[in-house]
Amino acid sequence: MSPFEGKTLKEVDNDTVTSQVPVEKPLGPTGKRVDYITWHQNHMCLARMLAGMSPKSEKRPTGCYIVDSDHYTVTSGYSGELPKSSEFCSDAVSVALKKLESKGQSAEGCLIYTTNFPECRKCAERIRASKIAKIWFWSDSETEDVEVKRLLGEICEKFVPTQIVTIDFREIQ
């Protein structure tokens, strides 16, 4: 016989550990929780975490997270993940696109979230050729390359944080 058999839920709680009463989450006008993060914020957060995986030797640690139009992960990468070659630089966007190409997957219509504006002309050409729908970047470009800005200008947009979100993993049940 189970030690909990025949007892009410309250009695079980008193016999084991003190139960925590769940706190009601505030709801917004649409009925959704107001303390959630959007897909947009989630993807940029992941790109920023990936940048932290870049080796210290990278002058510009960069993370890249690519999703499809339904927000499913397609691939990700970080600067320095693959060795530099004449064909590919080690920037995170280049790494992620290289992974896609090696799998034979298309990036058409996908969204790129990256911590830094892509500055390499070859990367810009590959992004255009892969028909990426949009690039969201965290940090502005330091490039003076007018051609890169021309190639990517219409599909790039700076990510602007709208709120501060703190995730306390101790509170997640």
N, C-alpha and C. Protein backbone atom coordinates (compact mmCIF):
# COMPACT_ATOMS: atom_id res chain seq x y z
N MET A 1 0.84 -1.19 0.00
CA MET A 1 0.00 0.00 0.00
C MET A 1 0.89 1.25 0.00
N SER A 2 0.54 2.22 -0.84
CA SER A 2 1.29 3.46 -0.95
C SER A 2 1.10 4.30 0.31
N PRO A 3 2.13 5.03 0.73
CA PRO A 3 1.98 5.88 1.92
C PRO A 3 0.98 7.02 1.69
N PHE A 4 0.63 7.28 0.42
CA PHE A 4 -0.30 8.37 0.11
C PHE A 4 -1.71 7.87 -0.18
N GLU A 5 -1.89 6.57 -0.26
CA GLU A 5 -3.18 6.01 -0.64
C GLU A 5 -4.23 6.33 0.42
N GLY A 6 -5.39 6.78 -0.03
CA GLY A 6 -6.50 7.07 0.86
C GLY A 6 -6.41 8.43 1.54
N LYS A 7 -5.42 9.22 1.22
CA LYS A 7 -5.27 10.54 1.84
C LYS A 7 -5.69 11.62 0.86
N THR A 8 -6.17 12.72 1.40
CA THR A 8 -6.49 13.85 0.54
C THR A 8 -5.20 14.54 0.11
N LEU A 9 -5.30 15.38 -0.91
CA LEU A 9 -4.13 16.09 -1.41
C LEU A 9 -3.49 16.93 -0.31
N LYS A 10 -4.33 17.56 0.53
CA LYS A 10 -3.79 18.40 1.60
C LYS A 10 -3.02 17.55 2.60
N GLU A 11 -3.54 16.37 2.93
CA GLU A 11 -2.84 15.49 3.87
C GLU A 11 -1.52 15.02 3.29
N VAL A 12 -1.50 14.71 1.99
CA VAL A 12 -0.26 14.28 1.34
C VAL A 12 0.76 15.40 1.41
N ASP A 13 0.33 16.64 1.12
CA ASP A 13 1.24 17.78 1.17
C ASP A 13 1.81 17.97 2.58
N ASN A 14 0.96 17.81 3.58
CA ASN A 14 1.43 17.99 4.95
C ASN A 14 2.39 16.88 5.36
N ASP A 15 2.22 15.67 4.82
CA ASP A 15 3.09 14.55 5.16
C ASP A 15 4.44 14.63 4.45
N THR A 16 4.51 15.27 3.31
CA THR A 16 5.76 15.30 2.55
C THR A 16 6.48 16.62 2.78
N VAL A 17 6.24 17.56 1.96
CA VAL A 17 6.86 18.88 2.11
C VAL A 17 5.78 19.93 2.01
N THR A 18 6.08 21.07 2.53
CA THR A 18 5.12 22.16 2.44
C THR A 18 4.99 22.55 0.98
N SER A 19 3.77 22.53 0.47
CA SER A 19 3.58 22.87 -0.94
C SER A 19 3.60 24.37 -1.12
N GLN A 20 4.05 24.77 -2.29
CA GLN A 20 4.04 26.19 -2.62
C GLN A 20 2.79 26.48 -3.43
N VAL A 21 2.10 27.50 -3.04
CA VAL A 21 0.91 27.91 -3.77
C VAL A 21 1.38 28.69 -4.99
N PRO A 22 0.96 28.26 -6.21
CA PRO A 22 1.41 28.97 -7.41
C PRO A 22 0.91 30.41 -7.40
N VAL A 23 1.79 31.31 -7.79
CA VAL A 23 1.45 32.72 -7.85
C VAL A 23 0.76 32.97 -9.19
N GLU A 24 -0.35 33.70 -9.13
CA GLU A 24 -1.07 34.03 -10.36
C GLU A 24 -0.22 34.97 -11.21
N LYS A 25 -0.06 34.63 -12.47
CA LYS A 25 0.72 35.46 -13.38
C LYS A 25 -0.19 36.55 -13.94
N PRO A 26 0.31 37.80 -14.02
CA PRO A 26 -0.52 38.88 -14.57
C PRO A 26 -0.76 38.66 -16.06
N LEU A 27 -1.98 38.94 -16.49
CA LEU A 27 -2.34 38.78 -17.90
C LEU A 27 -2.54 40.15 -18.53
N GLY A 28 -2.17 40.26 -19.79
CA GLY A 28 -2.34 41.49 -20.54
C GLY A 28 -3.73 41.56 -21.15
N PRO A 29 -4.00 42.59 -21.94
CA PRO A 29 -5.33 42.79 -22.54
C PRO A 29 -5.72 41.67 -23.51
N THR A 30 -4.72 40.95 -24.05
CA THR A 30 -5.04 39.87 -24.99
C THR A 30 -5.25 38.54 -24.27
N GLY A 31 -5.08 38.54 -22.95
CA GLY A 31 -5.23 37.30 -22.19
C GLY A 31 -3.94 36.52 -22.07
N LYS A 32 -2.87 37.01 -22.69
CA LYS A 32 -1.57 36.35 -22.59
C LYS A 32 -0.81 36.88 -21.37
N ARG A 33 0.12 36.08 -20.88
CA ARG A 33 0.98 36.54 -19.80
C ARG A 33 1.77 37.75 -20.27
N VAL A 34 2.05 38.66 -19.37
CA VAL A 34 2.84 39.84 -19.74
C VAL A 34 4.32 39.64 -19.44
N ASP A 35 4.68 38.56 -18.77
CA ASP A 35 6.08 38.34 -18.41
C ASP A 35 6.75 37.30 -19.30
N TYR A 36 6.34 37.21 -20.54
CA TYR A 36 6.94 36.26 -21.47
C TYR A 36 7.88 36.99 -22.42
N ILE A 37 8.74 36.22 -23.08
CA ILE A 37 9.57 36.83 -24.11
C ILE A 37 9.03 36.41 -25.47
N THR A 38 9.21 37.26 -26.43
CA THR A 38 8.72 36.97 -27.78
C THR A 38 9.71 36.05 -28.49
N TRP A 39 9.29 35.49 -29.61
CA TRP A 39 10.21 34.69 -30.43
C TRP A 39 11.42 35.53 -30.81
N HIS A 40 11.14 36.75 -31.19
CA HIS A 40 12.17 37.69 -31.62
C HIS A 40 13.24 37.85 -30.53
N GLN A 41 12.80 38.06 -29.30
CA GLN A 41 13.73 38.22 -28.18
C GLN A 41 14.46 36.91 -27.89
N ASN A 42 13.76 35.81 -27.97
CA ASN A 42 14.36 34.49 -27.73
C ASN A 42 15.50 34.22 -28.70
N HIS A 43 15.26 34.45 -29.98
CA HIS A 43 16.27 34.16 -30.99
C HIS A 43 17.51 35.05 -30.82
N MET A 44 17.30 36.33 -30.51
CA MET A 44 18.45 37.20 -30.31
C MET A 44 19.21 36.81 -29.05
N CYS A 45 18.50 36.40 -28.03
CA CYS A 45 19.16 35.93 -26.80
C CYS A 45 20.05 34.73 -27.11
N LEU A 46 19.56 33.80 -27.92
CA LEU A 46 20.36 32.63 -28.29
C LEU A 46 21.58 33.03 -29.11
N ALA A 47 21.42 33.99 -30.00
CA ALA A 47 22.58 34.46 -30.78
C ALA A 47 23.62 35.07 -29.86
N ARG A 48 23.17 35.82 -28.87
CA ARG A 48 24.12 36.43 -27.93
C ARG A 48 24.82 35.38 -27.07
N MET A 49 24.10 34.33 -26.70
CA MET A 49 24.75 33.25 -25.94
C MET A 49 25.78 32.53 -26.80
N LEU A 50 25.47 32.34 -28.08
CA LEU A 50 26.42 31.70 -28.99
C LEU A 50 27.69 32.53 -29.14
N ALA A 51 27.55 33.85 -29.13
CA ALA A 51 28.73 34.72 -29.23
C ALA A 51 29.69 34.46 -28.08
N GLY A 52 29.14 34.11 -26.94
CA GLY A 52 29.97 33.80 -25.78
C GLY A 52 30.79 32.54 -25.95
N MET A 53 30.46 31.72 -26.94
CA MET A 53 31.21 30.49 -27.20
C MET A 53 32.40 30.74 -28.12
N SER A 54 32.50 31.94 -28.68
CA SER A 54 33.62 32.26 -29.58
C SER A 54 34.93 32.21 -28.82
N PRO A 55 35.99 31.72 -29.47
CA PRO A 55 37.30 31.70 -28.80
C PRO A 55 37.78 33.11 -28.49
N LYS A 56 38.59 33.22 -27.48
CA LYS A 56 39.11 34.53 -27.08
C LYS A 56 39.96 35.17 -28.16
N SER A 57 40.46 34.35 -29.09
CA SER A 57 41.29 34.88 -30.17
C SER A 57 40.48 35.67 -31.20
N GLU A 58 39.17 35.52 -31.20
CA GLU A 58 38.33 36.25 -32.15
C GLU A 58 38.26 37.72 -31.74
N LYS A 59 38.55 38.61 -32.68
CA LYS A 59 38.53 40.04 -32.35
C LYS A 59 37.11 40.55 -32.16
N ARG A 60 36.16 39.93 -32.83
CA ARG A 60 34.75 40.31 -32.70
C ARG A 60 33.91 39.07 -32.46
N PRO A 61 33.75 38.63 -31.21
CA PRO A 61 32.93 37.44 -30.97
C PRO A 61 31.52 37.67 -31.50
N THR A 62 31.05 36.73 -32.30
CA THR A 62 29.75 36.87 -32.95
C THR A 62 28.98 35.57 -32.85
N GLY A 63 27.69 35.68 -32.60
CA GLY A 63 26.80 34.53 -32.61
C GLY A 63 25.75 34.72 -33.69
N CYS A 64 25.29 33.62 -34.26
CA CYS A 64 24.29 33.67 -35.32
C CYS A 64 23.29 32.54 -35.09
N TYR A 65 22.02 32.87 -35.20
CA TYR A 65 20.95 31.90 -35.00
C TYR A 65 20.00 32.06 -36.18
N ILE A 66 19.77 31.00 -36.93
CA ILE A 66 18.91 31.07 -38.12
C ILE A 66 17.65 30.24 -37.88
N VAL A 67 16.50 30.85 -38.13
CA VAL A 67 15.22 30.18 -37.96
C VAL A 67 14.41 30.31 -39.25
N ASP A 68 13.42 29.41 -39.40
CA ASP A 68 12.53 29.54 -40.55
C ASP A 68 11.38 30.46 -40.19
N SER A 69 10.45 30.65 -41.11
CA SER A 69 9.35 31.60 -40.88
C SER A 69 8.40 31.16 -39.77
N ASP A 70 8.47 29.89 -39.38
CA ASP A 70 7.64 29.39 -38.27
C ASP A 70 8.41 29.37 -36.95
N HIS A 71 9.59 29.95 -36.94
CA HIS A 71 10.46 30.07 -35.76
C HIS A 71 11.12 28.77 -35.34
N TYR A 72 11.17 27.80 -36.23
CA TYR A 72 11.90 26.57 -35.93
C TYR A 72 13.38 26.79 -36.23
N THR A 73 14.23 26.24 -35.38
CA THR A 73 15.68 26.38 -35.57
C THR A 73 16.11 25.69 -36.85
N VAL A 74 16.86 26.40 -37.67
CA VAL A 74 17.43 25.82 -38.88
C VAL A 74 18.89 25.48 -38.62
N THR A 75 19.65 26.43 -38.12
CA THR A 75 21.05 26.19 -37.73
C THR A 75 21.55 27.36 -36.90
N SER A 76 22.74 27.21 -36.38
CA SER A 76 23.36 28.28 -35.60
C SER A 76 24.87 28.17 -35.76
N GLY A 77 25.56 29.20 -35.33
CA GLY A 77 27.02 29.19 -35.39
C GLY A 77 27.59 30.33 -34.60
N TYR A 78 28.89 30.25 -34.37
CA TYR A 78 29.58 31.33 -33.68
C TYR A 78 30.94 31.53 -34.33
N SER A 79 31.46 32.73 -34.22
CA SER A 79 32.73 33.04 -34.87
C SER A 79 33.84 32.18 -34.29
N GLY A 80 34.69 31.68 -35.18
CA GLY A 80 35.79 30.83 -34.76
C GLY A 80 35.44 29.37 -34.64
N GLU A 81 34.17 29.02 -34.89
CA GLU A 81 33.75 27.62 -34.77
C GLU A 81 34.40 26.75 -35.84
N LEU A 82 34.54 27.30 -37.04
CA LEU A 82 35.21 26.60 -38.13
C LEU A 82 36.48 27.37 -38.48
N PRO A 83 37.50 26.69 -38.95
CA PRO A 83 38.73 27.40 -39.32
C PRO A 83 38.52 28.31 -40.52
N LYS A 84 39.27 29.40 -40.56
CA LYS A 84 39.19 30.31 -41.70
C LYS A 84 39.73 29.61 -42.94
N SER A 85 39.15 29.97 -44.07
CA SER A 85 39.66 29.49 -45.35
C SER A 85 39.50 30.63 -46.35
N SER A 86 40.02 30.42 -47.55
CA SER A 86 39.89 31.48 -48.55
C SER A 86 38.45 31.62 -49.02
N GLU A 87 37.68 30.53 -48.88
CA GLU A 87 36.29 30.55 -49.34
C GLU A 87 35.34 31.11 -48.28
N PHE A 88 35.64 30.85 -47.01
CA PHE A 88 34.75 31.26 -45.93
C PHE A 88 35.54 31.97 -44.84
N CYS A 89 34.98 33.05 -44.33
CA CYS A 89 35.60 33.68 -43.17
C CYS A 89 35.09 32.95 -41.93
N SER A 90 35.57 33.32 -40.77
CA SER A 90 35.16 32.60 -39.56
C SER A 90 34.01 33.30 -38.84
N ASP A 91 33.40 34.29 -39.48
CA ASP A 91 32.28 34.98 -38.87
C ASP A 91 31.12 34.02 -38.66
N ALA A 92 30.31 34.28 -37.64
CA ALA A 92 29.22 33.38 -37.27
C ALA A 92 28.22 33.14 -38.40
N VAL A 93 27.89 34.19 -39.15
CA VAL A 93 26.94 34.03 -40.26
C VAL A 93 27.52 33.10 -41.31
N SER A 94 28.79 33.27 -41.61
CA SER A 94 29.46 32.40 -42.58
C SER A 94 29.47 30.96 -42.10
N VAL A 95 29.74 30.76 -40.81
CA VAL A 95 29.76 29.41 -40.23
C VAL A 95 28.38 28.76 -40.36
N ALA A 96 27.33 29.51 -40.00
CA ALA A 96 25.97 28.96 -40.07
C ALA A 96 25.57 28.63 -41.51
N LEU A 97 25.90 29.51 -42.45
CA LEU A 97 25.58 29.24 -43.86
C LEU A 97 26.37 28.04 -44.38
N LYS A 98 27.61 27.89 -43.95
CA LYS A 98 28.43 26.74 -44.34
C LYS A 98 27.79 25.45 -43.84
N LYS A 99 27.28 25.47 -42.61
CA LYS A 99 26.60 24.28 -42.06
C LYS A 99 25.38 23.92 -42.90
N LEU A 100 24.61 24.94 -43.29
CA LEU A 100 23.43 24.69 -44.12
C LEU A 100 23.82 24.07 -45.45
N GLU A 101 24.84 24.64 -46.08
CA GLU A 101 25.29 24.13 -47.38
C GLU A 101 25.79 22.69 -47.26
N SER A 102 26.48 22.38 -46.18
CA SER A 102 27.01 21.01 -46.02
C SER A 102 25.88 20.00 -45.82
N LYS A 103 24.73 20.45 -45.32
CA LYS A 103 23.57 19.57 -45.15
C LYS A 103 22.67 19.57 -46.38
N GLY A 104 22.96 20.45 -47.33
CA GLY A 104 22.13 20.56 -48.52
C GLY A 104 20.80 21.23 -48.26
N GLN A 105 20.71 22.02 -47.18
CA GLN A 105 19.47 22.70 -46.83
C GLN A 105 19.43 24.10 -47.45
N SER A 106 18.23 24.56 -47.71
CA SER A 106 18.04 25.90 -48.24
C SER A 106 17.79 26.88 -47.10
N ALA A 107 18.26 28.10 -47.26
CA ALA A 107 18.02 29.15 -46.28
C ALA A 107 16.97 30.14 -46.79
N GLU A 108 16.37 29.82 -47.91
CA GLU A 108 15.40 30.73 -48.51
C GLU A 108 14.25 31.03 -47.55
N GLY A 109 13.99 32.31 -47.34
CA GLY A 109 12.90 32.75 -46.48
C GLY A 109 13.21 32.71 -45.00
N CYS A 110 14.41 32.31 -44.64
CA CYS A 110 14.79 32.22 -43.22
C CYS A 110 15.14 33.59 -42.65
N LEU A 111 15.18 33.65 -41.33
CA LEU A 111 15.55 34.86 -40.61
C LEU A 111 16.87 34.62 -39.90
N ILE A 112 17.77 35.58 -39.98
CA ILE A 112 19.05 35.50 -39.28
C ILE A 112 19.02 36.47 -38.11
N TYR A 113 19.41 35.97 -36.95
CA TYR A 113 19.62 36.80 -35.76
C TYR A 113 21.11 36.73 -35.47
N THR A 114 21.79 37.86 -35.50
CA THR A 114 23.23 37.87 -35.28
C THR A 114 23.61 39.02 -34.36
N THR A 115 24.68 38.82 -33.62
CA THR A 115 25.10 39.85 -32.68
C THR A 115 25.78 41.02 -33.37
N ASN A 116 26.36 40.79 -34.53
CA ASN A 116 27.06 41.86 -35.26
C ASN A 116 26.61 41.89 -36.72
N PHE A 117 26.53 43.08 -37.25
CA PHE A 117 26.21 43.26 -38.66
C PHE A 117 27.27 42.53 -39.50
N PRO A 118 26.87 41.72 -40.49
CA PRO A 118 27.86 41.03 -41.33
C PRO A 118 28.69 42.05 -42.11
N GLU A 119 30.01 41.94 -42.00
CA GLU A 119 30.89 42.94 -42.62
C GLU A 119 31.67 42.42 -43.82
N CYS A 120 31.68 41.13 -44.04
CA CYS A 120 32.48 40.53 -45.10
C CYS A 120 31.69 40.57 -46.42
N ARG A 121 32.33 41.02 -47.48
CA ARG A 121 31.66 41.11 -48.78
C ARG A 121 31.23 39.73 -49.29
N LYS A 122 32.09 38.72 -49.10
CA LYS A 122 31.72 37.36 -49.52
C LYS A 122 30.49 36.86 -48.76
N CYS A 123 30.45 37.15 -47.47
CA CYS A 123 29.29 36.75 -46.66
C CYS A 123 28.03 37.46 -47.15
N ALA A 124 28.16 38.75 -47.44
CA ALA A 124 27.01 39.52 -47.92
C ALA A 124 26.48 38.93 -49.22
N GLU A 125 27.39 38.55 -50.11
CA GLU A 125 26.97 37.95 -51.38
C GLU A 125 26.31 36.59 -51.15
N ARG A 126 26.85 35.81 -50.22
CA ARG A 126 26.25 34.50 -49.93
C ARG A 126 24.88 34.65 -49.28
N ILE A 127 24.72 35.65 -48.43
CA ILE A 127 23.42 35.89 -47.80
C ILE A 127 22.39 36.24 -48.87
N ARG A 128 22.75 37.14 -49.78
CA ARG A 128 21.83 37.52 -50.87
C ARG A 128 21.50 36.32 -51.74
N ALA A 129 22.51 35.52 -52.07
CA ALA A 129 22.30 34.35 -52.93
C ALA A 129 21.42 33.30 -52.26
N SER A 130 21.48 33.22 -50.93
CA SER A 130 20.68 32.21 -50.22
C SER A 130 19.24 32.66 -50.00
N LYS A 131 18.92 33.89 -50.37
CA LYS A 131 17.55 34.44 -50.30
C LYS A 131 17.01 34.50 -48.88
N ILE A 132 17.87 34.92 -47.96
CA ILE A 132 17.46 35.16 -46.57
C ILE A 132 16.42 36.28 -46.58
N ALA A 133 15.34 36.11 -45.81
CA ALA A 133 14.27 37.11 -45.80
C ALA A 133 14.64 38.35 -44.98
N LYS A 134 15.31 38.14 -43.84
CA LYS A 134 15.58 39.26 -42.95
C LYS A 134 16.78 38.94 -42.07
N ILE A 135 17.56 39.97 -41.76
CA ILE A 135 18.67 39.85 -40.83
C ILE A 135 18.43 40.84 -39.70
N TRP A 136 18.38 40.33 -38.49
CA TRP A 136 18.29 41.17 -37.30
C TRP A 136 19.67 41.17 -36.66
N PHE A 137 20.23 42.34 -36.39
CA PHE A 137 21.56 42.40 -35.78
C PHE A 137 21.51 43.24 -34.51
N TRP A 138 22.40 42.93 -33.57
CA TRP A 138 22.46 43.62 -32.28
C TRP A 138 23.35 44.86 -32.37
N SER A 139 24.57 44.68 -32.84
CA SER A 139 25.54 45.79 -32.89
C SER A 139 25.66 46.35 -34.30
N ASP A 140 25.81 47.65 -34.37
CA ASP A 140 25.97 48.32 -35.66
C ASP A 140 27.25 47.89 -36.35
N SER A 141 27.26 48.12 -37.63
CA SER A 141 28.41 47.77 -38.46
C SER A 141 29.56 48.73 -38.24
N GLU A 142 30.75 48.18 -38.26
CA GLU A 142 31.95 49.01 -38.22
C GLU A 142 32.56 49.09 -39.62
N THR A 143 31.93 48.44 -40.57
CA THR A 143 32.48 48.38 -41.92
C THR A 143 32.28 49.68 -42.67
N GLU A 144 33.25 49.98 -43.47
CA GLU A 144 33.17 51.14 -44.35
C GLU A 144 32.86 50.67 -45.78
N ASP A 145 32.69 49.36 -45.94
CA ASP A 145 32.47 48.77 -47.27
C ASP A 145 31.06 49.12 -47.75
N VAL A 146 30.97 50.05 -48.66
CA VAL A 146 29.70 50.51 -49.20
C VAL A 146 28.96 49.38 -49.90
N GLU A 147 29.69 48.49 -50.55
CA GLU A 147 29.08 47.37 -51.28
C GLU A 147 28.34 46.43 -50.32
N VAL A 148 28.92 46.15 -49.17
CA VAL A 148 28.26 45.29 -48.18
C VAL A 148 26.97 45.93 -47.71
N LYS A 149 27.03 47.21 -47.41
CA LYS A 149 25.83 47.92 -46.96
C LYS A 149 24.77 47.96 -48.06
N ARG A 150 25.19 48.09 -49.31
CA ARG A 150 24.25 48.10 -50.42
C ARG A 150 23.59 46.73 -50.58
N LEU A 151 24.40 45.68 -50.48
CA LEU A 151 23.87 44.32 -50.66
C LEU A 151 22.88 43.93 -49.56
N LEU A 152 23.15 44.35 -48.34
CA LEU A 152 22.35 43.89 -47.21
C LEU A 152 21.42 44.94 -46.63
N GLY A 153 21.55 46.17 -47.05
CA GLY A 153 20.79 47.27 -46.45
C GLY A 153 19.30 47.06 -46.36
N GLU A 154 18.69 46.55 -47.41
CA GLU A 154 17.23 46.46 -47.41
C GLU A 154 16.69 45.29 -46.58
N ILE A 155 17.52 44.30 -46.29
CA ILE A 155 17.01 43.17 -45.50
C ILE A 155 17.52 43.18 -44.06
N CYS A 156 18.39 44.14 -43.72
CA CYS A 156 18.94 44.22 -42.37
C CYS A 156 18.16 45.22 -41.52
N GLU A 157 18.00 44.86 -40.26
CA GLU A 157 17.36 45.77 -39.32
C GLU A 157 17.99 45.59 -37.95
N LYS A 158 18.26 46.71 -37.30
CA LYS A 158 18.86 46.66 -35.96
C LYS A 158 17.82 46.18 -34.96
N PHE A 159 18.22 45.24 -34.12
CA PHE A 159 17.36 44.75 -33.05
C PHE A 159 17.34 45.79 -31.94
N VAL A 160 16.16 46.19 -31.54
CA VAL A 160 16.02 47.16 -30.47
C VAL A 160 15.28 46.49 -29.32
N PRO A 161 15.97 46.28 -28.20
CA PRO A 161 15.31 45.65 -27.05
C PRO A 161 14.16 46.51 -26.56
N THR A 162 13.05 45.88 -26.24
CA THR A 162 11.87 46.61 -25.79
C THR A 162 11.61 46.45 -24.30
N GLN A 163 12.23 45.46 -23.70
CA GLN A 163 12.04 45.25 -22.27
C GLN A 163 13.22 44.48 -21.70
N ILE A 164 13.37 44.55 -20.40
CA ILE A 164 14.39 43.75 -19.73
C ILE A 164 13.68 42.54 -19.16
N VAL A 165 14.18 41.37 -19.50
CA VAL A 165 13.58 40.13 -19.03
C VAL A 165 14.61 39.40 -18.19
N THR A 166 14.22 39.02 -16.99
CA THR A 166 15.09 38.24 -16.13
C THR A 166 14.49 36.86 -16.00
N ILE A 167 15.30 35.86 -16.24
CA ILE A 167 14.84 34.48 -16.10
C ILE A 167 15.51 33.90 -14.86
N ASP A 168 14.70 33.56 -13.88
CA ASP A 168 15.21 32.95 -12.65
C ASP A 168 14.86 31.47 -12.71
N PHE A 169 15.85 30.64 -13.00
CA PHE A 169 15.61 29.22 -13.17
C PHE A 169 15.15 28.54 -11.88
N ARG A 170 15.36 29.18 -10.76
CA ARG A 170 14.89 28.60 -9.50
C ARG A 170 13.38 28.66 -9.39
N GLU A 171 12.74 29.56 -10.12
CA GLU A 171 11.29 29.71 -10.03
C GLU A 171 10.54 28.86 -11.04
N ILE A 172 11.24 28.25 -11.98
CA ILE A 172 10.58 27.45 -13.01
C ILE A 172 10.19 26.11 -12.43
N GLN A 173 8.93 25.74 -12.62
CA GLN A 173 8.45 24.46 -12.08
C GLN A 173 8.18 23.49 -13.18
